[in-house]
C-alpha atoms as a PDB file:
ATOM      1  CA  MET A   1       0.000   0.000   0.000  1.00  0.00           C
ATOM      2  CA  PRO A   2       1.571   3.341  -1.048  1.00  0.00           C
ATOM      3  CA  ILE A   3       2.044   6.130   1.429  1.00  0.00           C
ATOM      4  CA  GLY A   4      -0.261   9.090   0.690  1.00  0.00           C
ATOM      5  CA  LYS A   5       0.732  12.712   0.410  1.00  0.00           C
ATOM      6  CA  PRO A   6       0.760  14.726   3.655  1.00  0.00           C
ATOM      7  CA  LYS A   7      -2.205  17.015   4.198  1.00  0.00           C
ATOM      8  CA  PHE A   8      -0.017  19.960   5.198  1.00  0.00           C
ATOM      9  CA  ASP A   9       2.551  22.116   3.438  1.00  0.00           C
ATOM     10  CA  THR A  10       6.042  20.611   3.433  1.00  0.00           C
ATOM     11  CA  ARG A  11       7.812  23.247   1.346  1.00  0.00           C
ATOM     12  CA  PRO A  12      10.842  24.924   2.937  1.00  0.00           C
ATOM     13  CA  GLY A  13      10.186  28.352   4.407  1.00  0.00           C
ATOM     14  CA  VAL A  14       6.480  27.902   5.063  1.00  0.00           C
ATOM     15  CA  THR A  15       6.979  27.583   8.805  1.00  0.00           C
ATOM     16  CA  ALA A  16       9.164  30.700   8.829  1.00  0.00           C
ATOM     17  CA  ALA A  17       6.561  32.683   6.894  1.00  0.00           C
ATOM     18  CA  THR A  18       3.810  31.563   9.260  1.00  0.00           C
ATOM     19  CA  THR A  19       5.917  32.457  12.292  1.00  0.00           C
ATOM     20  CA  ALA A  20       6.716  35.875  10.815  1.00  0.00           C
ATOM     21  CA  ARG A  21       3.019  36.500  10.162  1.00  0.00           C
ATOM     22  CA  LEU A  22       2.261  35.564  13.767  1.00  0.00           C
ATOM     23  CA  TRP A  23       4.910  37.955  15.162  1.00  0.00           C
ATOM     24  CA  ILE A  24       3.726  40.799  12.928  1.00  0.00           C
ATOM     25  CA  CYS A  25       0.114  40.259  14.047  1.00  0.00           C
ATOM     26  CA  ALA A  26       1.184  40.171  17.705  1.00  0.00           C
ATOM     27  CA  SER A  27       3.189  43.389  17.333  1.00  0.00           C
ATOM     28  CA  ILE A  28       0.314  45.189  15.625  1.00  0.00           C
ATOM     29  CA  CYS A  29      -2.074  43.971  18.334  1.00  0.00           C
ATOM     30  CA  ILE A  30       0.206  45.396  21.036  1.00  0.00           C
ATOM     31  CA  ILE A  31       0.205  48.755  19.256  1.00  0.00           C
ATOM     32  CA  GLN A  32      -3.570  48.552  18.821  1.00  0.00           C
ATOM     33  CA  TYR A  33      -4.152  47.878  22.512  1.00  0.00           C
ATOM     34  CA  TRP A  34      -1.892  50.785  23.425  1.00  0.00           C
ATOM     35  CA  LEU A  35      -3.807  53.109  21.061  1.00  0.00           C
ATOM     36  CA  LEU A  36      -7.161  51.969  22.371  1.00  0.00           C
ATOM     37  CA  THR A  37      -6.086  52.399  26.000  1.00  0.00           C
ATOM     38  CA  SER A  38      -4.658  55.843  25.306  1.00  0.00           C
ATOM     39  CA  SER A  39      -7.786  56.966  23.480  1.00  0.00           C
ATOM     40  CA  LEU A  40     -10.004  55.817  26.357  1.00  0.00           C
ATOM     41  CA  GLU A  41      -7.732  57.582  28.852  1.00  0.00           C
ATOM     42  CA  ALA A  42      -7.898  60.771  26.782  1.00  0.00           C
ATOM     43  CA  PHE A  43     -11.674  60.488  26.515  1.00  0.00           C
ATOM     44  CA  TYR A  44     -12.121  60.065  30.251  1.00  0.00           C
ATOM     45  CA  GLY A  45      -9.642  62.876  30.849  1.00  0.00           C
ATOM     46  CA  GLY A  46     -11.768  65.241  28.771  1.00  0.00           C
ATOM     47  CA  ASN A  47      -9.415  65.582  25.783  1.00  0.00           C
ATOM     48  CA  LEU A  48     -11.840  64.833  22.974  1.00  0.00           C
ATOM     49  CA  ARG A  49      -9.625  66.144  20.136  1.00  0.00           C
ATOM     50  CA  VAL A  50      -7.339  63.097  20.111  1.00  0.00           C
ATOM     51  CA  THR A  51      -9.961  60.458  20.828  1.00  0.00           C
ATOM     52  CA  LEU A  52     -11.319  59.989  17.302  1.00  0.00           C
ATOM     53  CA  PRO A  53      -7.942  59.909  15.471  1.00  0.00           C
ATOM     54  CA  MET A  54      -6.557  57.401  17.977  1.00  0.00           C
ATOM     55  CA  PHE A  55      -9.662  55.249  17.672  1.00  0.00           C
ATOM     56  CA  LEU A  56      -9.375  55.334  13.862  1.00  0.00           C
ATOM     57  CA  ALA A  57      -5.705  54.331  14.089  1.00  0.00           C
ATOM     58  CA  SER A  58      -6.703  51.434  16.352  1.00  0.00           C
ATOM     59  CA  LEU A  59      -9.377  50.408  13.845  1.00  0.00           C
ATOM     60  CA  PHE A  60      -6.774  50.524  11.053  1.00  0.00           C
ATOM     61  CA  CYS A  61      -4.514  48.217  13.096  1.00  0.00           C
ATOM     62  CA  PHE A  62      -7.435  45.814  13.534  1.00  0.00           C
ATOM     63  CA  LEU A  63      -8.076  45.776   9.784  1.00  0.00           C
ATOM     64  CA  MET A  64      -4.385  45.124   9.046  1.00  0.00           C
ATOM     65  CA  VAL A  65      -4.310  42.123  11.388  1.00  0.00           C
ATOM     66  CA  ALA A  66      -7.581  40.788   9.972  1.00  0.00           C
ATOM     67  CA  GLY A  67      -6.149  41.118   6.457  1.00  0.00           C
ATOM     68  CA  LEU A  68      -2.973  39.257   7.412  1.00  0.00           C
ATOM     69  CA  ILE A  69      -4.935  36.433   8.992  1.00  0.00           C
ATOM     70  CA  LEU A  70      -7.358  36.135   6.074  1.00  0.00           C
ATOM     71  CA  THR A  71      -4.509  36.180   3.554  1.00  0.00           C
ATOM     72  CA  GLY A  72      -2.710  33.398   5.398  1.00  0.00           C
ATOM     73  CA  GLU A  73      -5.861  31.286   5.700  1.00  0.00           C
ATOM     74  CA  LYS A  74      -6.720  31.809   2.036  1.00  0.00           C
ATOM     75  CA  GLY A  75      -3.257  30.662   0.961  1.00  0.00           C
ATOM     76  CA  SER A  76      -3.419  27.682   3.294  1.00  0.00           C
ATOM     77  CA  ARG A  77      -6.778  26.535   1.957  1.00  0.00           C
ATOM     78  CA  LYS A  78      -5.659  26.956  -1.638  1.00  0.00           C
ATOM     79  CA  LEU A  79      -2.586  24.859  -0.939  1.00  0.00           C
ATOM     80  CA  GLN A  80      -4.647  22.152   0.778  1.00  0.00           C
ATOM     81  CA  LYS A  81      -6.838  21.915  -2.306  1.00  0.00           C
ATOM     82  CA  ASP A  82      -3.737  21.541  -4.488  1.00  0.00           C
ATOM     83  CA  VAL A  83      -2.225  18.886  -2.211  1.00  0.00           C
ATOM     84  CA  ARG A  84      -5.391  16.790  -2.200  1.00  0.00           C
ATOM     85  CA  ARG A  85      -5.388  16.544  -5.993  1.00  0.00           C
END
């Protein structure tokens, strides 16, 4: 009985790319949490001029992380379809 193909990516560098994506997402999340905390502190302190721009920057960070995760998942699913063939 022949051994089947693995159901995961075995190409060199895939693990490094996944790890890099994870570290980038973690770094952006740290920045996002800092921005969100600072904007809430400014809001409660009465400084309303910086609240909206900081919130929008935090929202942009969220969208960047979501895009990175979706891009990685999309590539992973495409590769799994190719491996199964």
